[in-house]
Amino acid sequence: MRLLALILAGVLVALQYPLWFGKGGWLRVRDLQQQVDAQKAVTAKLEARTRAFDAEVRDLKSGFDALEERARSEQGMIRQDEVYFQLAPQPPAAPAPQK
């Protein structure tokens, strides 16, 4: 009877091994699921970035407001009837002499 119990335990372990550690085992499935979740997060960030770029392209194609704003901020352009003031930063105050 003891031999039969040992044989059955050995068969049970032999059947369980592929379930846990095999190619399609639970541990591998859990690892792959974590990789899928991480890739979904990266994809979501990239999709949001793509939507922002698409909106910017639509704005640039459809009107001059976005184009003008971009020219002002990136190129420092101004209109002909505008006056441009640029304030220079003040130099840092000299430290007081130490005695």
N, C-alpha and C. Protein backbone atom coordinates (compact mmCIF):
# COMPACT_ATOMS: atom_id res chain seq x y z
N MET A 1 0.82 -1.19 0.00
CA MET A 1 0.00 0.00 0.00
C MET A 1 0.86 1.26 0.00
N ARG A 2 1.95 1.23 0.73
CA ARG A 2 2.86 2.37 0.81
C ARG A 2 3.49 2.65 -0.55
N LEU A 3 3.82 1.60 -1.27
CA LEU A 3 4.40 1.74 -2.60
C LEU A 3 3.41 2.40 -3.56
N LEU A 4 2.14 2.02 -3.46
CA LEU A 4 1.11 2.62 -4.31
C LEU A 4 0.95 4.12 -4.01
N ALA A 5 1.01 4.51 -2.75
CA ALA A 5 0.91 5.92 -2.38
C ALA A 5 2.10 6.71 -2.92
N LEU A 6 3.29 6.13 -2.86
CA LEU A 6 4.47 6.80 -3.40
C LEU A 6 4.38 6.94 -4.92
N ILE A 7 3.87 5.92 -5.60
CA ILE A 7 3.72 5.98 -7.06
C ILE A 7 2.70 7.06 -7.43
N LEU A 8 1.57 7.10 -6.73
CA LEU A 8 0.55 8.11 -6.99
C LEU A 8 1.08 9.52 -6.71
N ALA A 9 1.85 9.70 -5.65
CA ALA A 9 2.44 11.00 -5.34
C ALA A 9 3.42 11.41 -6.44
N GLY A 10 4.20 10.44 -6.93
CA GLY A 10 5.14 10.72 -8.02
C GLY A 10 4.41 11.11 -9.29
N VAL A 11 3.30 10.44 -9.60
CA VAL A 11 2.51 10.79 -10.78
C VAL A 11 1.91 12.18 -10.62
N LEU A 12 1.43 12.47 -9.44
CA LEU A 12 0.86 13.79 -9.17
C LEU A 12 1.90 14.90 -9.36
N VAL A 13 3.10 14.70 -8.85
CA VAL A 13 4.18 15.68 -9.02
C VAL A 13 4.54 15.79 -10.49
N ALA A 14 4.60 14.65 -11.20
CA ALA A 14 4.94 14.68 -12.63
C ALA A 14 3.88 15.42 -13.44
N LEU A 15 2.63 15.32 -13.03
CA LEU A 15 1.56 16.04 -13.74
C LEU A 15 1.55 17.53 -13.39
N GLN A 16 1.92 17.86 -12.17
CA GLN A 16 1.91 19.25 -11.73
C GLN A 16 3.09 20.06 -12.25
N TYR A 17 4.21 19.41 -12.50
CA TYR A 17 5.41 20.13 -12.93
C TYR A 17 5.18 20.97 -14.19
N PRO A 18 4.61 20.42 -15.28
CA PRO A 18 4.39 21.27 -16.46
C PRO A 18 3.39 22.39 -16.21
N LEU A 19 2.43 22.15 -15.31
CA LEU A 19 1.45 23.17 -15.01
C LEU A 19 2.10 24.41 -14.38
N TRP A 20 3.08 24.20 -13.53
CA TRP A 20 3.73 25.31 -12.84
C TRP A 20 4.96 25.85 -13.57
N PHE A 21 5.79 24.95 -14.10
CA PHE A 21 7.08 25.37 -14.63
C PHE A 21 7.24 25.16 -16.13
N GLY A 22 6.26 24.62 -16.80
CA GLY A 22 6.37 24.35 -18.23
C GLY A 22 6.24 25.59 -19.08
N LYS A 23 6.23 25.39 -20.41
CA LYS A 23 6.19 26.50 -21.36
C LYS A 23 4.92 27.34 -21.18
N GLY A 24 3.80 26.72 -20.93
CA GLY A 24 2.55 27.44 -20.74
C GLY A 24 2.10 27.41 -19.30
N GLY A 25 3.04 27.28 -18.36
CA GLY A 25 2.70 27.16 -16.96
C GLY A 25 2.23 28.47 -16.35
N TRP A 26 1.73 28.37 -15.13
CA TRP A 26 1.17 29.52 -14.44
C TRP A 26 2.21 30.62 -14.22
N LEU A 27 3.41 30.25 -13.88
CA LEU A 27 4.44 31.25 -13.63
C LEU A 27 4.78 32.01 -14.91
N ARG A 28 4.86 31.30 -16.01
CA ARG A 28 5.15 31.95 -17.31
C ARG A 28 3.99 32.85 -17.73
N VAL A 29 2.78 32.39 -17.52
CA VAL A 29 1.60 33.19 -17.87
C VAL A 29 1.56 34.47 -17.05
N ARG A 30 1.87 34.37 -15.77
CA ARG A 30 1.89 35.56 -14.90
C ARG A 30 2.96 36.55 -15.36
N ASP A 31 4.14 36.05 -15.71
CA ASP A 31 5.21 36.91 -16.20
C ASP A 31 4.82 37.59 -17.51
N LEU A 32 4.22 36.84 -18.40
CA LEU A 32 3.78 37.42 -19.68
C LEU A 32 2.68 38.46 -19.47
N GLN A 33 1.79 38.22 -18.52
CA GLN A 33 0.73 39.18 -18.23
C GLN A 33 1.31 40.49 -17.71
N GLN A 34 2.34 40.41 -16.87
CA GLN A 34 2.99 41.61 -16.38
C GLN A 34 3.66 42.38 -17.53
N GLN A 35 4.26 41.65 -18.47
CA GLN A 35 4.87 42.30 -19.64
C GLN A 35 3.80 42.97 -20.50
N VAL A 36 2.66 42.31 -20.66
CA VAL A 36 1.56 42.89 -21.45
C VAL A 36 1.05 44.17 -20.78
N ASP A 37 0.89 44.14 -19.47
CA ASP A 37 0.42 45.33 -18.75
C ASP A 37 1.40 46.49 -18.88
N ALA A 38 2.69 46.19 -18.78
CA ALA A 38 3.70 47.24 -18.94
C ALA A 38 3.66 47.81 -20.35
N GLN A 39 3.51 46.95 -21.35
CA GLN A 39 3.46 47.42 -22.74
C GLN A 39 2.20 48.24 -23.00
N LYS A 40 1.09 47.88 -22.35
CA LYS A 40 -0.14 48.66 -22.50
C LYS A 40 0.03 50.07 -21.93
N ALA A 41 0.75 50.18 -20.82
CA ALA A 41 0.99 51.49 -20.23
C ALA A 41 1.84 52.35 -21.17
N VAL A 42 2.87 51.75 -21.76
CA VAL A 42 3.72 52.48 -22.70
C VAL A 42 2.91 52.90 -23.92
N THR A 43 2.08 52.00 -24.41
CA THR A 43 1.25 52.29 -25.58
C THR A 43 0.27 53.42 -25.28
N ALA A 44 -0.31 53.43 -24.10
CA ALA A 44 -1.25 54.50 -23.74
C ALA A 44 -0.54 55.86 -23.73
N LYS A 45 0.69 55.92 -23.21
CA LYS A 45 1.44 57.17 -23.21
C LYS A 45 1.72 57.62 -24.64
N LEU A 46 2.12 56.68 -25.48
CA LEU A 46 2.42 57.03 -26.87
C LEU A 46 1.17 57.46 -27.63
N GLU A 47 0.04 56.84 -27.34
CA GLU A 47 -1.21 57.24 -27.99
C GLU A 47 -1.60 58.66 -27.59
N ALA A 48 -1.42 59.00 -26.31
CA ALA A 48 -1.73 60.36 -25.85
C ALA A 48 -0.81 61.37 -26.54
N ARG A 49 0.46 61.01 -26.68
CA ARG A 49 1.40 61.89 -27.38
C ARG A 49 1.01 62.05 -28.85
N THR A 50 0.59 60.97 -29.47
CA THR A 50 0.17 61.03 -30.87
C THR A 50 -1.06 61.91 -31.03
N ARG A 51 -2.02 61.78 -30.10
CA ARG A 51 -3.21 62.64 -30.16
C ARG A 51 -2.84 64.12 -30.02
N ALA A 52 -1.87 64.41 -29.15
CA ALA A 52 -1.43 65.79 -28.99
C ALA A 52 -0.78 66.31 -30.27
N PHE A 53 0.04 65.49 -30.91
CA PHE A 53 0.66 65.89 -32.17
C PHE A 53 -0.39 66.08 -33.26
N ASP A 54 -1.38 65.19 -33.30
CA ASP A 54 -2.44 65.33 -34.30
C ASP A 54 -3.21 66.63 -34.10
N ALA A 55 -3.50 66.97 -32.86
CA ALA A 55 -4.22 68.21 -32.58
C ALA A 55 -3.38 69.42 -32.99
N GLU A 56 -2.09 69.36 -32.74
CA GLU A 56 -1.22 70.47 -33.12
C GLU A 56 -1.15 70.61 -34.64
N VAL A 57 -1.08 69.50 -35.34
CA VAL A 57 -1.05 69.54 -36.81
C VAL A 57 -2.35 70.12 -37.35
N ARG A 58 -3.48 69.70 -36.78
CA ARG A 58 -4.78 70.25 -37.22
C ARG A 58 -4.83 71.76 -36.98
N ASP A 59 -4.34 72.20 -35.83
CA ASP A 59 -4.33 73.64 -35.52
C ASP A 59 -3.46 74.40 -36.51
N LEU A 60 -2.30 73.84 -36.82
CA LEU A 60 -1.40 74.53 -37.74
C LEU A 60 -1.95 74.57 -39.16
N LYS A 61 -2.68 73.53 -39.55
CA LYS A 61 -3.25 73.50 -40.90
C LYS A 61 -4.50 74.36 -41.02
N SER A 62 -5.27 74.47 -39.96
CA SER A 62 -6.58 75.11 -40.07
C SER A 62 -6.56 76.61 -39.86
N GLY A 63 -5.64 77.13 -39.09
CA GLY A 63 -5.71 78.56 -38.82
C GLY A 63 -4.36 79.17 -38.58
N PHE A 64 -4.36 80.49 -38.59
CA PHE A 64 -3.12 81.21 -38.39
C PHE A 64 -2.83 81.50 -36.92
N ASP A 65 -3.81 81.31 -36.06
CA ASP A 65 -3.59 81.60 -34.64
C ASP A 65 -2.50 80.70 -34.05
N ALA A 66 -2.61 79.42 -34.31
CA ALA A 66 -1.61 78.49 -33.78
C ALA A 66 -0.25 78.72 -34.44
N LEU A 67 -0.27 79.01 -35.72
CA LEU A 67 0.97 79.28 -36.43
C LEU A 67 1.64 80.54 -35.89
N GLU A 68 0.82 81.57 -35.66
CA GLU A 68 1.36 82.82 -35.12
C GLU A 68 1.92 82.61 -33.71
N GLU A 69 1.19 81.88 -32.89
CA GLU A 69 1.64 81.62 -31.53
C GLU A 69 2.97 80.87 -31.54
N ARG A 70 3.10 79.90 -32.41
CA ARG A 70 4.34 79.13 -32.49
C ARG A 70 5.50 80.00 -32.98
N ALA A 71 5.24 80.85 -33.98
CA ALA A 71 6.28 81.74 -34.49
C ALA A 71 6.73 82.72 -33.42
N ARG A 72 5.80 83.19 -32.61
CA ARG A 72 6.15 84.14 -31.55
C ARG A 72 6.98 83.47 -30.46
N SER A 73 6.57 82.27 -30.05
CA SER A 73 7.25 81.63 -28.93
C SER A 73 8.59 81.02 -29.33
N GLU A 74 8.66 80.43 -30.52
CA GLU A 74 9.89 79.73 -30.90
C GLU A 74 10.86 80.62 -31.68
N GLN A 75 10.35 81.54 -32.47
CA GLN A 75 11.21 82.35 -33.31
C GLN A 75 11.35 83.79 -32.83
N GLY A 76 10.52 84.21 -31.88
CA GLY A 76 10.59 85.57 -31.38
C GLY A 76 10.07 86.59 -32.38
N MET A 77 9.17 86.19 -33.25
CA MET A 77 8.66 87.09 -34.27
C MET A 77 7.61 88.02 -33.68
N ILE A 78 7.52 89.21 -34.28
CA ILE A 78 6.52 90.19 -33.87
C ILE A 78 5.84 90.75 -35.12
N ARG A 79 4.70 91.38 -34.93
CA ARG A 79 4.00 92.02 -36.05
C ARG A 79 4.66 93.35 -36.38
N GLN A 80 4.30 93.89 -37.53
CA GLN A 80 4.91 95.14 -37.96
C GLN A 80 4.52 96.30 -37.06
N ASP A 81 3.30 96.31 -36.56
CA ASP A 81 2.84 97.46 -35.76
C ASP A 81 3.07 97.26 -34.26
N GLU A 82 3.82 96.26 -33.86
CA GLU A 82 4.07 96.01 -32.45
C GLU A 82 5.44 96.55 -32.04
N VAL A 83 5.55 96.84 -30.75
CA VAL A 83 6.83 97.24 -30.17
C VAL A 83 7.27 96.11 -29.25
N TYR A 84 8.49 95.70 -29.40
CA TYR A 84 9.01 94.56 -28.64
C TYR A 84 9.95 95.07 -27.55
N PHE A 85 9.69 94.69 -26.32
CA PHE A 85 10.54 95.06 -25.20
C PHE A 85 11.17 93.79 -24.66
N GLN A 86 12.47 93.83 -24.49
CA GLN A 86 13.16 92.69 -23.88
C GLN A 86 13.92 93.21 -22.67
N LEU A 87 13.60 92.66 -21.53
CA LEU A 87 14.21 93.10 -20.28
C LEU A 87 15.38 92.19 -19.96
N ALA A 88 16.52 92.79 -19.75
CA ALA A 88 17.71 92.03 -19.41
C ALA A 88 17.67 91.71 -17.92
N PRO A 89 18.08 90.52 -17.53
CA PRO A 89 18.09 90.19 -16.10
C PRO A 89 19.15 91.02 -15.38
N GLN A 90 18.84 91.39 -14.15
CA GLN A 90 19.78 92.18 -13.37
C GLN A 90 20.93 91.28 -12.92
N PRO A 91 22.15 91.83 -12.95
CA PRO A 91 23.28 91.01 -12.48
C PRO A 91 23.15 90.78 -10.98
N PRO A 92 23.63 89.66 -10.50
CA PRO A 92 23.54 89.40 -9.06
C PRO A 92 24.36 90.42 -8.28
N ALA A 93 23.86 90.78 -7.13
CA ALA A 93 24.53 91.78 -6.28
C ALA A 93 25.84 91.19 -5.77
N ALA A 94 26.86 92.05 -5.71
CA ALA A 94 28.16 91.61 -5.21
C ALA A 94 28.05 91.33 -3.72
N PRO A 95 28.65 90.26 -3.26
CA PRO A 95 28.56 89.96 -1.83
C PRO A 95 29.33 90.99 -1.01
N ALA A 96 28.85 91.24 0.18
CA ALA A 96 29.49 92.20 1.09
C ALA A 96 30.86 91.66 1.48
N PRO A 97 31.87 92.54 1.57
CA PRO A 97 33.20 92.07 1.95
C PRO A 97 33.19 91.51 3.38
N GLN A 98 33.91 90.45 3.56
CA GLN A 98 34.01 89.81 4.88
C GLN A 98 35.12 90.46 5.68
N LYS A 99 34.91 90.66 6.95
CA LYS A 99 35.93 91.28 7.82
C LYS A 99 36.60 90.26 8.64
